[in-house]
PDB file of N, CA and C in Angstrom:
ATOM      1  N   MET A   1      76.797  87.146 112.908  1.00  0.00           N
ATOM      2  CA  MET A   1      75.288  87.236 112.330  1.00  0.00           C
ATOM      3  C   MET A   1      75.202  85.726 112.586  1.00  0.00           C
ATOM      4  N   ASP A   2      73.551  85.729 112.628  1.00  0.00           N
ATOM      5  CA  ASP A   2      72.921  84.326 112.615  1.00  0.00           C
ATOM      6  C   ASP A   2      72.811  83.962 111.105  1.00  0.00           C
ATOM      7  N   ASN A   3      72.843  82.643 110.988  1.00  0.00           N
ATOM      8  CA  ASN A   3      72.261  82.172 109.845  1.00  0.00           C
ATOM      9  C   ASN A   3      70.841  81.873 109.606  1.00  0.00           C
ATOM     10  N   LYS A   4      70.487  81.289 108.513  1.00  0.00           N
ATOM     11  CA  LYS A   4      69.090  80.916 108.686  1.00  0.00           C
ATOM     12  C   LYS A   4      68.215  80.076 109.691  1.00  0.00           C
ATOM     13  N   GLN A   5      69.348  79.227 110.332  1.00  0.00           N
ATOM     14  CA  GLN A   5      68.968  78.223 111.347  1.00  0.00           C
ATOM     15  C   GLN A   5      69.263  78.785 112.804  1.00  0.00           C
ATOM     16  N   GLY A   6      69.510  80.135 112.779  1.00  0.00           N
ATOM     17  CA  GLY A   6      69.557  80.927 113.980  1.00  0.00           C
ATOM     18  C   GLY A   6      71.151  80.420 114.727  1.00  0.00           C
ATOM     19  N   VAL A   7      72.039  79.799 113.974  1.00  0.00           N
ATOM     20  CA  VAL A   7      73.167  79.532 114.656  1.00  0.00           C
ATOM     21  C   VAL A   7      74.345  80.767 114.206  1.00  0.00           C
ATOM     22  N   GLN A   8      74.755  81.268 115.106  1.00  0.00           N
ATOM     23  CA  GLN A   8      75.822  82.327 114.495  1.00  0.00           C
ATOM     24  C   GLN A   8      77.085  81.466 113.584  1.00  0.00           C
ATOM     25  N   ASP A   9      77.433  82.183 112.394  1.00  0.00           N
ATOM     26  CA  ASP A   9      78.338  81.670 111.623  1.00  0.00           C
ATOM     27  C   ASP A   9      79.433  82.492 111.864  1.00  0.00           C
ATOM     28  N   ILE A  10      80.584  81.913 112.286  1.00  0.00           N
ATOM     29  CA  ILE A  10      81.775  82.941 112.736  1.00  0.00           C
ATOM     30  C   ILE A  10      83.053  82.217 111.359  1.00  0.00           C
ATOM     31  N   THR A  11      82.623  81.484 110.628  1.00  0.00           N
ATOM     32  CA  THR A  11      83.578  80.873 109.668  1.00  0.00           C
ATOM     33  C   THR A  11      84.143  82.034 108.641  1.00  0.00           C
ATOM     34  N   ALA A  12      85.237  82.324 108.868  1.00  0.00           N
ATOM     35  CA  ALA A  12      85.617  83.510 107.660  1.00  0.00           C
ATOM     36  C   ALA A  12      85.767  82.915 106.250  1.00  0.00           C
ATOM     37  N   PRO A  13      85.447  83.824 104.999  1.00  0.00           N
ATOM     38  CA  PRO A  13      85.865  83.184 104.028  1.00  0.00           C
ATOM     39  C   PRO A  13      87.286  82.826 103.636  1.00  0.00           C
ATOM     40  N   VAL A  14      87.657  81.971 102.693  1.00  0.00           N
ATOM     41  CA  VAL A  14      88.791  81.988 102.273  1.00  0.00           C
ATOM     42  C   VAL A  14      89.180  81.626 100.934  1.00  0.00           C
ATOM     43  N   VAL A  15      90.227  82.013 100.486  1.00  0.00           N
ATOM     44  CA  VAL A  15      90.480  81.550  99.031  1.00  0.00           C
ATOM     45  C   VAL A  15      90.923  80.383  98.655  1.00  0.00           C
ATOM     46  N   VAL A  16      90.145  79.433  98.060  1.00  0.00           N
ATOM     47  CA  VAL A  16      90.395  78.309  97.681  1.00  0.00           C
ATOM     48  C   VAL A  16      91.680  78.459  96.836  1.00  0.00           C
ATOM     49  N   MET A  17      92.698  77.619  97.151  1.00  0.00           N
ATOM     50  CA  MET A  17      94.046  77.987  96.561  1.00  0.00           C
ATOM     51  C   MET A  17      94.160  77.401  95.317  1.00  0.00           C
ATOM     52  N   VAL A  18      93.465  76.257  95.012  1.00  0.00           N
ATOM     53  CA  VAL A  18      93.604  75.540  93.794  1.00  0.00           C
ATOM     54  C   VAL A  18      93.033  76.313  92.708  1.00  0.00           C
ATOM     55  N   MET A  19      92.089  77.704  92.977  1.00  0.00           N
ATOM     56  CA  MET A  19      91.618  78.234  92.055  1.00  0.00           C
ATOM     57  C   MET A  19      92.252  79.666  91.687  1.00  0.00           C
ATOM     58  N   VAL A  20      93.397  80.067  92.447  1.00  0.00           N
ATOM     59  CA  VAL A  20      94.131  81.264  92.088  1.00  0.00           C
ATOM     60  C   VAL A  20      95.128  81.057  90.771  1.00  0.00           C
ATOM     61  N   MET A  21      94.526  81.836  89.911  1.00  0.00           N
ATOM     62  CA  MET A  21      95.307  81.750  88.652  1.00  0.00           C
ATOM     63  C   MET A  21      95.936  83.161  88.397  1.00  0.00           C
ATOM     64  N   PRO A  22      97.310  83.256  87.894  1.00  0.00           N
ATOM     65  CA  PRO A  22      98.336  82.114  87.919  1.00  0.00           C
ATOM     66  C   PRO A  22      98.409  81.668  89.269  1.00  0.00           C
ATOM     67  N   LYS A  23      98.926  80.296  89.371  1.00  0.00           N
ATOM     68  CA  LYS A  23      99.277  79.840  90.700  1.00  0.00           C
ATOM     69  C   LYS A  23     100.450  80.439  91.412  1.00  0.00           C
ATOM     70  N   ASP A  24     100.375  80.733  92.663  1.00  0.00           N
ATOM     71  CA  ASP A  24     101.515  81.212  93.850  1.00  0.00           C
ATOM     72  C   ASP A  24     102.913  80.450  93.219  1.00  0.00           C
ATOM     73  N   GLY A  25     103.668  81.242  93.068  1.00  0.00           N
ATOM     74  CA  GLY A  25     105.016  80.940  92.778  1.00  0.00           C
ATOM     75  C   GLY A  25     105.113  80.605  90.932  1.00  0.00           C
ATOM     76  N   ALA A  26     104.403  80.604  90.415  1.00  0.00           N
ATOM     77  CA  ALA A  26     104.103  80.580  88.892  1.00  0.00           C
ATOM     78  C   ALA A  26     105.436  81.427  88.087  1.00  0.00           C
ATOM     79  N   THR A  27     105.838  80.862  87.496  1.00  0.00           N
ATOM     80  CA  THR A  27     106.852  81.963  86.643  1.00  0.00           C
ATOM     81  C   THR A  27     106.674  81.948  84.758  1.00  0.00           C
ATOM     82  N   GLY A  28     107.127  83.030  84.265  1.00  0.00           N
ATOM     83  CA  GLY A  28     106.991  83.031  82.623  1.00  0.00           C
ATOM     84  C   GLY A  28     105.661  83.144  82.327  1.00  0.00           C
ATOM     85  N   ILE A  29     104.811  84.126  83.277  1.00  0.00           N
ATOM     86  CA  ILE A  29     103.216  84.106  83.073  1.00  0.00           C
ATOM     87  C   ILE A  29     103.084  85.227  81.740  1.00  0.00           C
ATOM     88  N   GLY A  30     102.343  84.910  80.518  1.00  0.00           N
ATOM     89  CA  GLY A  30     102.384  85.606  79.285  1.00  0.00           C
ATOM     90  C   GLY A  30     101.623  87.204  79.674  1.00  0.00           C
ATOM     91  N   LEU A  31     101.875  88.056  78.992  1.00  0.00           N
ATOM     92  CA  LEU A  31     101.284  89.204  79.037  1.00  0.00           C
ATOM     93  C   LEU A  31      99.923  89.495  78.471  1.00  0.00           C
ATOM     94  N   ALA A  32      99.765  88.527  77.548  1.00  0.00           N
ATOM     95  CA  ALA A  32      98.512  88.578  76.826  1.00  0.00           C
ATOM     96  C   ALA A  32      97.169  88.121  77.768  1.00  0.00           C
ATOM     97  N   THR A  33      97.500  87.484  78.859  1.00  0.00           N
ATOM     98  CA  THR A  33      96.853  86.990  79.764  1.00  0.00           C
ATOM     99  C   THR A  33      96.553  87.608  81.158  1.00  0.00           C
ATOM    100  N   PRO A  34      96.602  88.940  81.358  1.00  0.00           N
ATOM    101  CA  PRO A  34      96.663  89.610  82.558  1.00  0.00           C
ATOM    102  C   PRO A  34      95.555  89.374  83.431  1.00  0.00           C
ATOM    103  N   VAL A  35      94.843  88.459  83.751  1.00  0.00           N
ATOM    104  CA  VAL A  35      93.921  88.037  84.655  1.00  0.00           C
ATOM    105  C   VAL A  35      94.112  87.456  85.766  1.00  0.00           C
ATOM    106  N   VAL A  36      93.692  87.871  87.054  1.00  0.00           N
ATOM    107  CA  VAL A  36      93.865  86.978  88.251  1.00  0.00           C
ATOM    108  C   VAL A  36      92.471  86.687  88.693  1.00  0.00           C
ATOM    109  N   LEU A  37      92.247  85.294  88.891  1.00  0.00           N
ATOM    110  CA  LEU A  37      90.735  84.675  89.399  1.00  0.00           C
ATOM    111  C   LEU A  37      91.131  84.421  90.909  1.00  0.00           C
ATOM    112  N   MET A  38      90.326  84.690  91.731  1.00  0.00           N
ATOM    113  CA  MET A  38      90.357  84.177  93.038  1.00  0.00           C
ATOM    114  C   MET A  38      88.836  83.653  93.335  1.00  0.00           C
ATOM    115  N   THR A  39      88.693  82.217  93.885  1.00  0.00           N
ATOM    116  CA  THR A  39      87.524  81.756  94.051  1.00  0.00           C
ATOM    117  C   THR A  39      87.684  81.438  95.390  1.00  0.00           C
ATOM    118  N   PHE A  40      86.367  81.651  96.201  1.00  0.00           N
ATOM    119  CA  PHE A  40      86.358  81.971  97.733  1.00  0.00           C
ATOM    120  C   PHE A  40      85.422  80.674  98.105  1.00  0.00           C
ATOM    121  N   SER A  41      85.596  80.170  99.158  1.00  0.00           N
ATOM    122  CA  SER A  41      84.813  79.317  99.655  1.00  0.00           C
ATOM    123  C   SER A  41      83.417  79.264  99.760  1.00  0.00           C
ATOM    124  N   ILE A  42      82.963  80.789 100.257  1.00  0.00           N
ATOM    125  CA  ILE A  42      81.376  81.392 100.595  1.00  0.00           C
ATOM    126  C   ILE A  42      81.370  82.543  99.747  1.00  0.00           C
ATOM    127  N   PRO A  43      80.112  82.865  99.527  1.00  0.00           N
ATOM    128  CA  PRO A  43      79.984  84.096  98.927  1.00  0.00           C
ATOM    129  C   PRO A  43      80.156  85.256  99.469  1.00  0.00           C
ATOM    130  N   LEU A  44      80.831  86.280  98.844  1.00  0.00           N
ATOM    131  CA  LEU A  44      81.277  87.542  99.209  1.00  0.00           C
ATOM    132  C   LEU A  44      80.339  88.888  99.415  1.00  0.00           C
ATOM    133  N   ASP A  45      80.413  89.903 100.302  1.00  0.00           N
ATOM    134  CA  ASP A  45      79.523  90.967 100.321  1.00  0.00           C
ATOM    135  C   ASP A  45      79.896  91.974  99.304  1.00  0.00           C
ATOM    136  N   PHE A  46      79.312  91.828  98.130  1.00  0.00           N
ATOM    137  CA  PHE A  46      79.736  92.818  97.132  1.00  0.00           C
ATOM    138  C   PHE A  46      80.062  93.945  97.319  1.00  0.00           C
ATOM    139  N   LYS A  47      79.824  94.790  98.610  1.00  0.00           N
ATOM    140  CA  LYS A  47      80.191  95.960  98.919  1.00  0.00           C
ATOM    141  C   LYS A  47      81.847  96.279  99.296  1.00  0.00           C
ATOM    142  N   THR A  48      82.374  94.919  99.639  1.00  0.00           N
ATOM    143  CA  THR A  48      83.796  94.887  99.936  1.00  0.00           C
ATOM    144  C   THR A  48      84.634  94.509  98.930  1.00  0.00           C
ATOM    145  N   VAL A  49      84.055  94.178  97.642  1.00  0.00           N
ATOM    146  CA  VAL A  49      84.646  93.893  96.602  1.00  0.00           C
ATOM    147  C   VAL A  49      84.994  94.730  95.731  1.00  0.00           C
ATOM    148  N   ASN A  50      86.391  95.578  95.926  1.00  0.00           N
ATOM    149  CA  ASN A  50      86.732  96.682  95.200  1.00  0.00           C
ATOM    150  C   ASN A  50      88.190  96.916  95.100  1.00  0.00           C
ATOM    151  N   SER A  51      88.710  97.885  94.221  1.00  0.00           N
ATOM    152  CA  SER A  51      90.225  97.942  94.543  1.00  0.00           C
ATOM    153  C   SER A  51      91.088  98.469  95.655  1.00  0.00           C
ATOM    154  N   ALA A  52      90.426  98.762  96.687  1.00  0.00           N
ATOM    155  CA  ALA A  52      90.873  99.005  97.474  1.00  0.00           C
ATOM    156  C   ALA A  52      91.438  97.789  98.231  1.00  0.00           C
ATOM    157  N   ASN A  53      90.221  96.779  98.313  1.00  0.00           N
ATOM    158  CA  ASN A  53      90.632  95.740  99.008  1.00  0.00           C
ATOM    159  C   ASN A  53      90.969  94.475  98.364  1.00  0.00           C
ATOM    160  N   PHE A  54      91.020  94.616  97.023  1.00  0.00           N
ATOM    161  CA  PHE A  54      91.644  93.585  96.123  1.00  0.00           C
ATOM    162  C   PHE A  54      92.710  94.528  95.068  1.00  0.00           C
ATOM    163  N   GLN A  55      94.200  94.265  95.263  1.00  0.00           N
ATOM    164  CA  GLN A  55      95.064  94.870  94.512  1.00  0.00           C
ATOM    165  C   GLN A  55      96.188  93.867  93.964  1.00  0.00           C
ATOM    166  N   LEU A  56      96.645  94.559  92.943  1.00  0.00           N
ATOM    167  CA  LEU A  56      97.815  94.056  92.243  1.00  0.00           C
ATOM    168  C   LEU A  56      98.897  95.046  92.475  1.00  0.00           C
ATOM    169  N   HIS A  57     100.122  94.357  92.912  1.00  0.00           N
ATOM    170  CA  HIS A  57     101.419  95.112  92.990  1.00  0.00           C
ATOM    171  C   HIS A  57     102.267  94.426  91.893  1.00  0.00           C
ATOM    172  N   THR A  58     103.199  95.463  91.063  1.00  0.00           N
ATOM    173  CA  THR A  58     104.228  94.892  90.187  1.00  0.00           C
ATOM    174  C   THR A  58     105.516  95.261  90.931  1.00  0.00           C
ATOM    175  N   ASN A  59     106.271  94.641  91.173  1.00  0.00           N
ATOM    176  CA  ASN A  59     107.521  94.949  91.670  1.00  0.00           C
ATOM    177  C   ASN A  59     107.535  95.868  92.899  1.00  0.00           C
ATOM    178  N   GLY A  60     106.363  95.565  93.791  1.00  0.00           N
ATOM    179  CA  GLY A  60     106.204  96.427  94.802  1.00  0.00           C
ATOM    180  C   GLY A  60     105.376  97.558  94.737  1.00  0.00           C
ATOM    181  N   MET A  61     105.090  97.943  93.493  1.00  0.00           N
ATOM    182  CA  MET A  61     104.314  99.042  93.419  1.00  0.00           C
ATOM    183  C   MET A  61     102.917  98.713  93.069  1.00  0.00           C
ATOM    184  N   MET A  62     101.838  99.258  93.809  1.00  0.00           N
ATOM    185  CA  MET A  62     100.489  98.991  93.235  1.00  0.00           C
ATOM    186  C   MET A  62     100.039  99.414  91.960  1.00  0.00           C
ATOM    187  N   ILE A  63      99.392  98.893  91.270  1.00  0.00           N
ATOM    188  CA  ILE A  63      99.068  99.052  89.751  1.00  0.00           C
ATOM    189  C   ILE A  63      97.466  99.212  89.685  1.00  0.00           C
ATOM    190  N   SER A  64      97.035 100.055  88.785  1.00  0.00           N
ATOM    191  CA  SER A  64      95.800 100.279  88.268  1.00  0.00           C
ATOM    192  C   SER A  64      95.028  99.028  87.979  1.00  0.00           C
ATOM    193  N   LEU A  65      93.817  98.798  88.423  1.00  0.00           N
ATOM    194  CA  LEU A  65      93.093  97.464  87.820  1.00  0.00           C
ATOM    195  C   LEU A  65      91.511  97.737  88.061  1.00  0.00           C
ATOM    196  N   SER A  66      90.856  96.940  87.228  1.00  0.00           N
ATOM    197  CA  SER A  66      89.538  96.733  87.396  1.00  0.00           C
ATOM    198  C   SER A  66      89.082  95.264  88.211  1.00  0.00           C
ATOM    199  N   VAL A  67      88.341  95.450  88.991  1.00  0.00           N
ATOM    200  CA  VAL A  67      87.671  94.158  89.770  1.00  0.00           C
ATOM    201  C   VAL A  67      86.248  94.185  89.565  1.00  0.00           C
ATOM    202  N   THR A  68      86.156  92.459  89.272  1.00  0.00           N
ATOM    203  CA  THR A  68      84.599  92.140  89.149  1.00  0.00           C
ATOM    204  C   THR A  68      84.525  91.269  89.952  1.00  0.00           C
ATOM    205  N   LEU A  69      83.172  90.871  90.185  1.00  0.00           N
ATOM    206  CA  LEU A  69      82.486  89.742  91.032  1.00  0.00           C
ATOM    207  C   LEU A  69      81.563  88.857  90.356  1.00  0.00           C
ATOM    208  N   SER A  70      81.802  87.371  90.182  1.00  0.00           N
ATOM    209  CA  SER A  70      80.901  86.655  89.551  1.00  0.00           C
ATOM    210  C   SER A  70      79.673  87.102  90.170  1.00  0.00           C
ATOM    211  N   SER A  71      78.174  86.129  89.336  1.00  0.00           N
ATOM    212  CA  SER A  71      77.015  86.535  89.666  1.00  0.00           C
ATOM    213  C   SER A  71      76.649  85.667  91.146  1.00  0.00           C
ATOM    214  N   ASP A  72      77.596  84.432  91.289  1.00  0.00           N
ATOM    215  CA  ASP A  72      77.375  83.681  92.531  1.00  0.00           C
ATOM    216  C   ASP A  72      78.341  84.305  93.562  1.00  0.00           C
ATOM    217  N   LYS A  73      78.778  85.339  93.581  1.00  0.00           N
ATOM    218  CA  LYS A  73      79.607  86.187  94.636  1.00  0.00           C
ATOM    219  C   LYS A  73      80.643  85.261  95.176  1.00  0.00           C
ATOM    220  N   ARG A  74      81.277  84.379  94.624  1.00  0.00           N
ATOM    221  CA  ARG A  74      82.674  83.562  94.771  1.00  0.00           C
ATOM    222  C   ARG A  74      83.833  83.854  94.063  1.00  0.00           C
ATOM    223  N   THR A  75      83.789  84.424  93.112  1.00  0.00           N
ATOM    224  CA  THR A  75      84.917  84.464  92.245  1.00  0.00           C
ATOM    225  C   THR A  75      85.336  85.974  91.934  1.00  0.00           C
ATOM    226  N   VAL A  76      86.427  86.399  92.330  1.00  0.00           N
ATOM    227  CA  VAL A  76      86.791  87.815  91.835  1.00  0.00           C
ATOM    228  C   VAL A  76      87.939  87.731  90.942  1.00  0.00           C
ATOM    229  N   THR A  77      87.562  88.326  89.687  1.00  0.00           N
ATOM    230  CA  THR A  77      88.486  88.817  88.712  1.00  0.00           C
ATOM    231  C   THR A  77      89.178  89.881  88.750  1.00  0.00           C
ATOM    232  N   LEU A  78      90.511  89.983  88.923  1.00  0.00           N
ATOM    233  CA  LEU A  78      91.591  91.270  88.771  1.00  0.00           C
ATOM    234  C   LEU A  78      92.093  91.277  87.366  1.00  0.00           C
ATOM    235  N   ILE A  79      91.907  92.422  86.470  1.00  0.00           N
ATOM    236  CA  ILE A  79      92.033  92.669  85.341  1.00  0.00           C
ATOM    237  C   ILE A  79      93.189  93.874  85.120  1.00  0.00           C
ATOM    238  N   ALA A  80      94.289  93.628  84.625  1.00  0.00           N
ATOM    239  CA  ALA A  80      95.325  95.028  84.833  1.00  0.00           C
ATOM    240  C   ALA A  80      96.214  94.773  83.500  1.00  0.00           C
ATOM    241  N   SER A  81      97.062  95.790  83.256  1.00  0.00           N
ATOM    242  CA  SER A  81      98.098  95.577  82.093  1.00  0.00           C
ATOM    243  C   SER A  81      99.327  95.131  83.069  1.00  0.00           C
ATOM    244  N   LEU A  82      99.982  94.112  82.714  1.00  0.00           N
ATOM    245  CA  LEU A  82     101.246  93.608  83.311  1.00  0.00           C
ATOM    246  C   LEU A  82     102.309  94.102  82.481  1.00  0.00           C
ATOM    247  N   ALA A  83     103.397  94.353  83.331  1.00  0.00           N
ATOM    248  CA  ALA A  83     104.598  94.460  82.685  1.00  0.00           C
ATOM    249  C   ALA A  83     105.602  93.404  82.599  1.00  0.00           C
ATOM    250  N   ALA A  84     106.290  93.271  81.582  1.00  0.00           N
ATOM    251  CA  ALA A  84     107.287  92.213  81.343  1.00  0.00           C
ATOM    252  C   ALA A  84     108.182  92.058  82.414  1.00  0.00           C
ATOM    253  N   SER A  85     108.819  90.847  82.555  1.00  0.00           N
ATOM    254  CA  SER A  85     109.616  90.701  83.598  1.00  0.00           C
ATOM    255  C   SER A  85     109.685  91.398  84.881  1.00  0.00           C
ATOM    256  N   SER A  86     108.433  90.838  85.297  1.00  0.00           N
ATOM    257  CA  SER A  86     107.747  91.497  86.855  1.00  0.00           C
ATOM    258  C   SER A  86     107.338  90.552  87.515  1.00  0.00           C
ATOM    259  N   ILE A  87     107.759  90.829  89.045  1.00  0.00           N
ATOM    260  CA  ILE A  87     107.485  90.007  90.005  1.00  0.00           C
ATOM    261  C   ILE A  87     105.750  90.852  90.102  1.00  0.00           C
ATOM    262  N   VAL A  88     104.705  90.013  90.450  1.00  0.00           N
ATOM    263  CA  VAL A  88     103.196  90.448  90.286  1.00  0.00           C
ATOM    264  C   VAL A  88     102.781  89.878  91.728  1.00  0.00           C
ATOM    265  N   THR A  89     102.100  90.683  92.611  1.00  0.00           N
ATOM    266  CA  THR A  89     101.580  89.957  93.786  1.00  0.00           C
ATOM    267  C   THR A  89      99.845  90.421  93.805  1.00  0.00           C
ATOM    268  N   ALA A  90      99.117  89.487  93.839  1.00  0.00           N
ATOM    269  CA  ALA A  90      97.594  89.636  94.192  1.00  0.00           C
ATOM    270  C   ALA A  90      97.235  89.851  95.577  1.00  0.00           C
ATOM    271  N   VAL A  91      96.496  90.681  95.684  1.00  0.00           N
ATOM    272  CA  VAL A  91      96.170  90.981  97.384  1.00  0.00           C
ATOM    273  C   VAL A  91      94.773  90.812  97.562  1.00  0.00           C
ATOM    274  N   ALA A  92      94.384  90.028  98.765  1.00  0.00           N
ATOM    275  CA  ALA A  92      92.929  90.421  99.456  1.00  0.00           C
ATOM    276  C   ALA A  92      93.113  90.789 100.499  1.00  0.00           C
ATOM    277  N   THR A  93      92.734  91.514 100.967  1.00  0.00           N
ATOM    278  CA  THR A  93      92.849  92.282 102.328  1.00  0.00           C
ATOM    279  C   THR A  93      91.655  91.548 103.317  1.00  0.00           C
ATOM    280  N   SER A  94      91.900  91.926 104.571  1.00  0.00           N
ATOM    281  CA  SER A  94      91.237  91.598 105.708  1.00  0.00           C
ATOM    282  C   SER A  94      90.117  92.362 105.667  1.00  0.00           C
ATOM    283  N   ARG A  95      89.582  93.337 104.941  1.00  0.00           N
ATOM    284  CA  ARG A  95      88.525  94.220 104.846  1.00  0.00           C
ATOM    285  C   ARG A  95      87.305  93.542 103.885  1.00  0.00           C
ATOM    286  N   VAL A  96      87.831  92.427 103.251  1.00  0.00           N
ATOM    287  CA  VAL A  96      87.004  91.826 102.391  1.00  0.00           C
ATOM    288  C   VAL A  96      85.805  90.852 103.390  1.00  0.00           C
ATOM    289  N   LYS A  97      84.411  90.722 103.267  1.00  0.00           N
ATOM    290  CA  LYS A  97      83.926  90.148 104.166  1.00  0.00           C
ATOM    291  C   LYS A  97      82.726  89.328 103.396  1.00  0.00           C
ATOM    292  N   ASP A  98      82.187  88.040 103.869  1.00  0.00           N
ATOM    293  CA  ASP A  98      81.256  87.307 103.314  1.00  0.00           C
ATOM    294  C   ASP A  98      79.951  87.848 103.824  1.00  0.00           C
ATOM    295  N   LEU A  99      78.952  87.342 103.177  1.00  0.00           N
ATOM    296  CA  LEU A  99      77.366  87.911 103.450  1.00  0.00           C
ATOM    297  C   LEU A  99      77.075  87.803 104.708  1.00  0.00           C
ATOM    298  N   LEU A 100      77.639  87.054 105.675  1.00  0.00           N
ATOM    299  CA  LEU A 100      77.195  86.770 107.174  1.00  0.00           C
ATOM    300  C   LEU A 100      78.313  87.941 107.912  1.00  0.00           C
ATOM    301  N   GLU A 101      78.852  88.740 107.285  1.00  0.00           N
ATOM    302  CA  GLU A 101      80.167  89.659 107.897  1.00  0.00           C
ATOM    303  C   GLU A 101      81.123  89.304 108.564  1.00  0.00           C
ATOM    304  N   ASN A 102      81.432  88.236 108.343  1.00  0.00           N
ATOM    305  CA  ASN A 102      82.957  87.380 108.538  1.00  0.00           C
ATOM    306  C   ASN A 102      83.956  88.180 107.509  1.00  0.00           C
ATOM    307  N   PHE A 103      85.079  88.430 108.255  1.00  0.00           N
ATOM    308  CA  PHE A 103      86.168  88.784 107.485  1.00  0.00           C
ATOM    309  C   PHE A 103      87.208  87.935 106.882  1.00  0.00           C
ATOM    310  N   LEU A 104      87.700  87.943 105.997  1.00  0.00           N
ATOM    311  CA  LEU A 104      88.804  87.376 105.094  1.00  0.00           C
ATOM    312  C   LEU A 104      89.955  87.719 106.333  1.00  0.00           C
ATOM    313  N   VAL A 105      90.844  86.467 105.862  1.00  0.00           N
ATOM    314  CA  VAL A 105      92.298  86.723 106.705  1.00  0.00           C
ATOM    315  C   VAL A 105      93.018  87.112 105.620  1.00  0.00           C
ATOM    316  N   ASP A 106      93.820  88.135 105.750  1.00  0.00           N
ATOM    317  CA  ASP A 106      94.866  88.803 104.623  1.00  0.00           C
ATOM    318  C   ASP A 106      95.251  87.347 103.710  1.00  0.00           C
ATOM    319  N   PHE A 107      95.263  87.706 102.252  1.00  0.00           N
ATOM    320  CA  PHE A 107      95.856  86.959 101.694  1.00  0.00           C
ATOM    321  C   PHE A 107      96.491  87.304 100.269  1.00  0.00           C
ATOM    322  N   ASN A 108      97.877  86.666 100.118  1.00  0.00           N
ATOM    323  CA  ASN A 108      98.373  87.273  98.899  1.00  0.00           C
ATOM    324  C   ASN A 108      99.082  86.300  98.257  1.00  0.00           C
ATOM    325  N   SER A 109      99.090  86.132  96.835  1.00  0.00           N
ATOM    326  CA  SER A 109      99.649  85.033  95.794  1.00  0.00           C
ATOM    327  C   SER A 109     100.910  86.019  94.843  1.00  0.00           C
ATOM    328  N   THR A 110     101.810  85.351  94.690  1.00  0.00           N
ATOM    329  CA  THR A 110     102.942  86.073  94.009  1.00  0.00           C
ATOM    330  C   THR A 110     103.377  85.244  92.581  1.00  0.00           C
ATOM    331  N   PHE A 111     103.369  85.892  91.522  1.00  0.00           N
ATOM    332  CA  PHE A 111     104.006  84.977  90.269  1.00  0.00           C
ATOM    333  C   PHE A 111     104.830  86.148  89.522  1.00  0.00           C
ATOM    334  N   SER A 112     105.423  85.299  88.660  1.00  0.00           N
ATOM    335  CA  SER A 112     106.385  86.437  87.655  1.00  0.00           C
ATOM    336  C   SER A 112     105.801  86.371  86.151  1.00  0.00           C
ATOM    337  N   THR A 113     106.009  87.770  85.595  1.00  0.00           N
ATOM    338  CA  THR A 113     105.684  87.531  84.001  1.00  0.00           C
ATOM    339  C   THR A 113     106.849  87.206  83.188  1.00  0.00           C
ATOM    340  N   ALA A 114     106.536  86.755  81.970  1.00  0.00           N
ATOM    341  CA  ALA A 114     107.366  86.588  81.172  1.00  0.00           C
ATOM    342  C   ALA A 114     108.268  87.771  80.734  1.00  0.00           C
ATOM    343  N   SER A 115     109.648  87.466  80.063  1.00  0.00           N
ATOM    344  CA  SER A 115     110.346  88.568  79.666  1.00  0.00           C
ATOM    345  C   SER A 115     109.955  89.518  78.570  1.00  0.00           C
ATOM    346  N   ILE A 116     109.150  89.069  77.571  1.00  0.00           N
ATOM    347  CA  ILE A 116     108.627  89.813  76.648  1.00  0.00           C
ATOM    348  C   ILE A 116     107.311  89.281  76.391  1.00  0.00           C
ATOM    349  N   SER A 117     106.640  90.096  75.637  1.00  0.00           N
ATOM    350  CA  SER A 117     105.031  89.979  75.465  1.00  0.00           C
ATOM    351  C   SER A 117     105.211  88.590  74.525  1.00  0.00           C
ATOM    352  N   ASP A 118     104.015  88.117  74.863  1.00  0.00           N
ATOM    353  CA  ASP A 118     103.633  86.846  73.892  1.00  0.00           C
ATOM    354  C   ASP A 118     103.179  87.119  72.281  1.00  0.00           C
ATOM    355  N   PRO A 119     103.571  86.635  71.548  1.00  0.00           N
ATOM    356  CA  PRO A 119     103.099  86.926  69.950  1.00  0.00           C
ATOM    357  C   PRO A 119     101.789  86.803  69.999  1.00  0.00           C
ATOM    358  N   ASP A 120     100.798  87.660  69.447  1.00  0.00           N
ATOM    359  CA  ASP A 120      99.607  87.819  68.689  1.00  0.00           C
ATOM    360  C   ASP A 120      99.120  86.654  67.831  1.00  0.00           C
TER     361      ASP A 120
END
């Protein structure tokens, strides 16, 4: 698709790695903060931001979650109840696209949760 200058934009959106929380490989993540944030290099098409294209897997099983997109369309928040002592993988599929219809390359990031819930 062409941008405002009439030049075809073929640059796919990418996850800005620094802004994935928890970070890939993190351990002992508390259960009281079960939020995964992914910040993208460019705004996303809101129609592709959903639980089919953004997923959380706990010990290999997909879990139920809520997916939200920030007002600037660059930050996706995944909210779910996480189990203790689990390996969690956050996934963004290649069905996610930006406003110029460039598709994301499949992305995933894995972390582990703490063995017991954090005290309130």
